[in-house]
Amino acid sequence: MLTALVASLLAYAAGSVSAAILVCRALGLPDPRSDGSGNPGATNVLRIGGKKAAAMTLAGDLAKGLIPVAIANALSDNTALIALTGLGALLGHLYPVFFDFKGGKGVATAFGVCFGLHILAGVAAALCWFACAAVFKRSSLAALITFVLMPVYWLLMGQTTYAVLAVMMAGLIVYTHRENIQRLLQGTEPKIGKR
């Protein structure tokens, strides 16, 4: 239990590093928390800073989900410990201790967690997101569909512990996208790359 607690706290600290804010500061762009949608994530950075800034943000957010989980996966075969590490990284992104507990919506970091758990899980999530984004042109809708379906993937793989983690991740992502869901229902959610 102590090892799992330490791993999840370290992952939380890693997740608390906001790639969007740091990238925007480094490139002299507006603070993503006060411009565009107000969300410190790759989609909003794309709106306010373009593809280069968005790619840097996406890489950073993916890494802070991927690296802690990949390390835990390499050092332990305890699926509960690994799952708690992934949850810690995601919670760090959503509620970063370094930025007044006001973080992003968790999509890129959740993708990183999936890749850290198993490469095929990451590929499955990425393919689902790209397919949904191509059809619906809405990043938020693609993310919601992708992560609501992830528990099913893990159950089919016989990984109950990771299925439970995926349910928690999906619940957090649905919660952080509650305003997006309202806009989707109203037909006012912006398309990818648009303000």
Protein backbone atom coordinates (compact mmCIF):
# COMPACT_ATOMS: atom_id res chain seq x y z
CA MET A 1 0.00 0.00 0.00
CA LEU A 2 2.82 2.39 0.86
CA THR A 3 4.49 1.74 -2.49
CA ALA A 4 1.22 2.35 -4.32
CA LEU A 5 0.66 5.59 -2.38
CA VAL A 6 4.17 6.86 -3.18
CA ALA A 7 3.80 5.91 -6.85
CA SER A 8 0.44 7.66 -7.16
CA LEU A 9 1.73 10.80 -5.40
CA LEU A 10 4.79 10.98 -7.66
CA ALA A 11 2.53 10.50 -10.68
CA TYR A 12 0.24 13.24 -9.35
CA ALA A 13 3.23 15.60 -9.10
CA ALA A 14 4.23 14.78 -12.68
CA GLY A 15 0.68 15.32 -13.86
CA SER A 16 0.56 18.69 -12.13
CA VAL A 17 3.12 20.15 -14.57
CA SER A 18 0.97 22.08 -17.07
CA ALA A 19 2.44 21.73 -20.55
CA ALA A 20 -0.06 24.22 -22.00
CA ILE A 21 0.85 27.02 -19.60
CA LEU A 22 4.59 26.41 -19.87
CA VAL A 23 4.52 26.21 -23.68
CA CYS A 24 2.47 29.39 -23.96
CA ARG A 25 4.82 31.24 -21.61
CA ALA A 26 7.87 30.03 -23.54
CA LEU A 27 6.41 31.10 -26.90
CA GLY A 28 5.03 34.43 -25.66
CA LEU A 29 1.42 33.39 -26.20
CA PRO A 30 -1.59 34.36 -24.09
CA ASP A 31 -2.30 32.32 -20.97
CA PRO A 32 -4.58 29.50 -22.16
CA ARG A 33 -6.57 29.82 -18.93
CA SER A 34 -7.72 33.29 -19.94
CA ASP A 35 -7.86 33.05 -23.75
CA GLY A 36 -9.83 30.94 -26.20
CA SER A 37 -11.92 28.41 -24.32
CA GLY A 38 -10.01 29.05 -21.10
CA ASN A 39 -8.82 25.45 -20.95
CA PRO A 40 -5.08 24.73 -20.53
CA GLY A 41 -4.99 21.91 -23.06
CA ALA A 42 -3.72 21.15 -26.56
CA THR A 43 -7.02 21.91 -28.34
CA ASN A 44 -7.20 25.41 -26.87
CA VAL A 45 -3.49 26.03 -27.50
CA LEU A 46 -4.13 25.09 -31.15
CA ARG A 47 -6.78 27.83 -31.27
CA ILE A 48 -4.62 30.54 -29.71
CA GLY A 49 -1.11 29.56 -30.79
CA GLY A 50 -1.22 27.30 -33.82
CA LYS A 51 -0.03 23.80 -34.65
CA LYS A 52 3.53 24.03 -33.28
CA ALA A 53 2.42 25.17 -29.83
CA ALA A 54 -0.39 22.60 -29.81
CA ALA A 55 1.99 19.78 -30.77
CA MET A 56 4.37 20.74 -27.97
CA THR A 57 1.49 20.85 -25.49
CA LEU A 58 0.13 17.52 -26.68
CA ALA A 59 3.56 15.89 -26.34
CA GLY A 60 3.98 17.24 -22.82
CA ASP A 61 0.53 16.16 -21.68
CA LEU A 62 0.94 12.70 -23.22
CA ALA A 63 4.34 12.28 -21.58
CA LYS A 64 3.13 13.01 -18.07
CA GLY A 65 0.56 10.25 -18.37
CA LEU A 66 2.81 7.83 -20.25
CA ILE A 67 6.09 8.06 -18.32
CA PRO A 68 4.88 7.41 -14.74
CA VAL A 69 2.68 4.51 -15.87
CA ALA A 70 5.39 3.03 -18.10
CA ILE A 71 7.85 3.17 -15.19
CA ALA A 72 5.34 1.53 -12.84
CA ASN A 73 4.59 -1.09 -15.49
CA ALA A 74 8.30 -1.85 -15.92
CA LEU A 75 8.99 -2.11 -12.19
CA SER A 76 5.89 -3.97 -11.03
CA ASP A 77 3.33 -6.50 -12.19
CA ASN A 78 0.83 -5.27 -9.60
CA THR A 79 -2.04 -4.01 -11.74
CA ALA A 80 -3.61 -2.10 -8.83
CA LEU A 81 -0.38 -0.16 -8.25
CA ILE A 82 -0.06 0.59 -11.96
CA ALA A 83 -3.71 1.69 -12.16
CA LEU A 84 -3.29 4.01 -9.15
CA THR A 85 -0.22 5.50 -10.82
CA GLY A 86 -2.29 6.26 -13.93
CA LEU A 87 -5.09 7.74 -11.86
CA GLY A 88 -2.60 9.90 -9.97
CA ALA A 89 -1.15 11.29 -13.21
CA LEU A 90 -4.61 12.14 -14.54
CA LEU A 91 -5.72 13.78 -11.29
CA GLY A 92 -2.53 15.84 -11.32
CA HIS A 93 -3.41 17.18 -14.75
CA LEU A 94 -6.99 17.94 -13.75
CA TYR A 95 -6.13 19.46 -10.37
CA PRO A 96 -2.46 20.58 -10.54
CA VAL A 97 -0.88 21.47 -7.21
CA PHE A 98 1.47 23.89 -9.02
CA PHE A 99 -1.34 25.88 -10.69
CA ASP A 100 -3.98 26.44 -8.00
CA PHE A 101 -5.61 23.06 -8.72
CA LYS A 102 -7.06 24.42 -11.99
CA GLY A 103 -6.02 22.14 -14.83
CA GLY A 104 -7.08 20.88 -18.21
CA LYS A 105 -9.69 18.36 -19.23
CA GLY A 106 -7.40 15.36 -19.15
CA VAL A 107 -7.70 13.90 -22.64
CA ALA A 108 -4.03 13.87 -23.72
CA THR A 109 -2.85 12.71 -20.30
CA ALA A 110 -5.46 9.93 -20.35
CA PHE A 111 -4.11 8.87 -23.74
CA GLY A 112 -0.63 8.78 -22.22
CA VAL A 113 -1.92 6.56 -19.42
CA CYS A 114 -3.44 4.19 -21.99
CA PHE A 115 -0.15 3.94 -23.89
CA GLY A 116 1.69 3.36 -20.62
CA LEU A 117 -0.64 0.52 -19.65
CA HIS A 118 -0.31 -1.26 -22.99
CA ILE A 119 0.72 -0.05 -26.43
CA LEU A 120 -2.35 -1.66 -27.99
CA ALA A 121 -4.63 0.20 -25.57
CA GLY A 122 -3.06 3.48 -26.64
CA VAL A 123 -3.36 2.60 -30.32
CA ALA A 124 -7.00 1.58 -29.88
CA ALA A 125 -7.80 4.84 -28.09
CA ALA A 126 -5.97 6.93 -30.69
CA LEU A 127 -7.68 5.20 -33.61
CA CYS A 128 -11.08 5.67 -32.00
CA TRP A 129 -10.40 9.36 -31.37
CA PHE A 130 -9.17 10.02 -34.92
CA ALA A 131 -12.12 8.18 -36.46
CA CYS A 132 -14.63 10.11 -34.35
CA ALA A 133 -12.85 13.42 -34.95
CA ALA A 134 -12.87 12.80 -38.71
CA VAL A 135 -16.60 12.10 -38.67
CA PHE A 136 -17.84 14.66 -36.14
CA LYS A 137 -15.12 17.39 -36.35
CA ARG A 138 -15.45 17.96 -32.59
CA SER A 139 -12.49 17.16 -30.34
CA SER A 140 -14.63 16.96 -27.23
CA LEU A 141 -17.10 14.49 -28.74
CA ALA A 142 -14.28 12.32 -30.04
CA ALA A 143 -12.72 12.25 -26.57
CA LEU A 144 -16.00 11.43 -24.84
CA ILE A 145 -16.76 8.54 -27.18
CA THR A 146 -13.20 7.20 -26.94
CA PHE A 147 -12.99 7.08 -23.16
CA VAL A 148 -16.54 5.91 -22.54
CA LEU A 149 -15.67 2.91 -24.74
CA MET A 150 -12.29 2.14 -23.09
CA PRO A 151 -13.69 0.06 -20.19
CA VAL A 152 -15.24 -2.28 -22.77
CA TYR A 153 -11.83 -2.73 -24.40
CA TRP A 154 -10.23 -3.75 -21.10
CA LEU A 155 -13.07 -6.12 -20.22
CA LEU A 156 -12.67 -7.83 -23.59
CA MET A 157 -8.95 -8.16 -22.78
CA GLY A 158 -9.80 -9.71 -19.40
CA GLN A 159 -8.19 -6.85 -17.46
CA THR A 160 -10.74 -6.06 -14.76
CA THR A 161 -8.47 -3.74 -12.77
CA TYR A 162 -7.72 -1.62 -15.81
CA ALA A 163 -11.41 -1.65 -16.73
CA VAL A 164 -12.17 -0.12 -13.31
CA LEU A 165 -9.46 2.50 -13.93
CA ALA A 166 -10.96 3.20 -17.36
CA VAL A 167 -14.41 3.72 -15.79
CA MET A 168 -12.93 6.26 -13.35
CA MET A 169 -11.03 8.00 -16.14
CA ALA A 170 -14.15 8.13 -18.29
CA GLY A 171 -16.14 9.58 -15.40
CA LEU A 172 -13.53 12.30 -14.83
CA ILE A 173 -13.40 13.16 -18.51
CA VAL A 174 -17.18 13.34 -18.79
CA TYR A 175 -17.19 15.63 -15.74
CA THR A 176 -14.50 17.95 -17.12
CA HIS A 177 -16.39 18.10 -20.42
CA ARG A 178 -19.78 18.95 -18.91
CA GLU A 179 -19.83 22.41 -20.55
CA ASN A 180 -18.78 20.87 -23.86
CA ILE A 181 -21.64 18.39 -23.54
CA GLN A 182 -24.09 21.26 -23.09
CA ARG A 183 -22.70 22.99 -26.19
CA LEU A 184 -22.82 19.74 -28.15
CA LEU A 185 -26.50 19.37 -27.26
CA GLN A 186 -27.11 22.99 -28.27
CA GLY A 187 -25.13 22.65 -31.50
CA THR A 188 -22.69 25.42 -30.53
CA GLU A 189 -19.55 23.40 -29.83
CA PRO A 190 -16.74 24.73 -32.07
CA LYS A 191 -15.06 22.53 -34.61
CA ILE A 192 -11.45 21.45 -34.21
CA GLY A 193 -9.12 24.42 -34.75
CA LYS A 194 -11.89 27.00 -34.54
CA ARG A 195 -12.54 29.52 -31.74
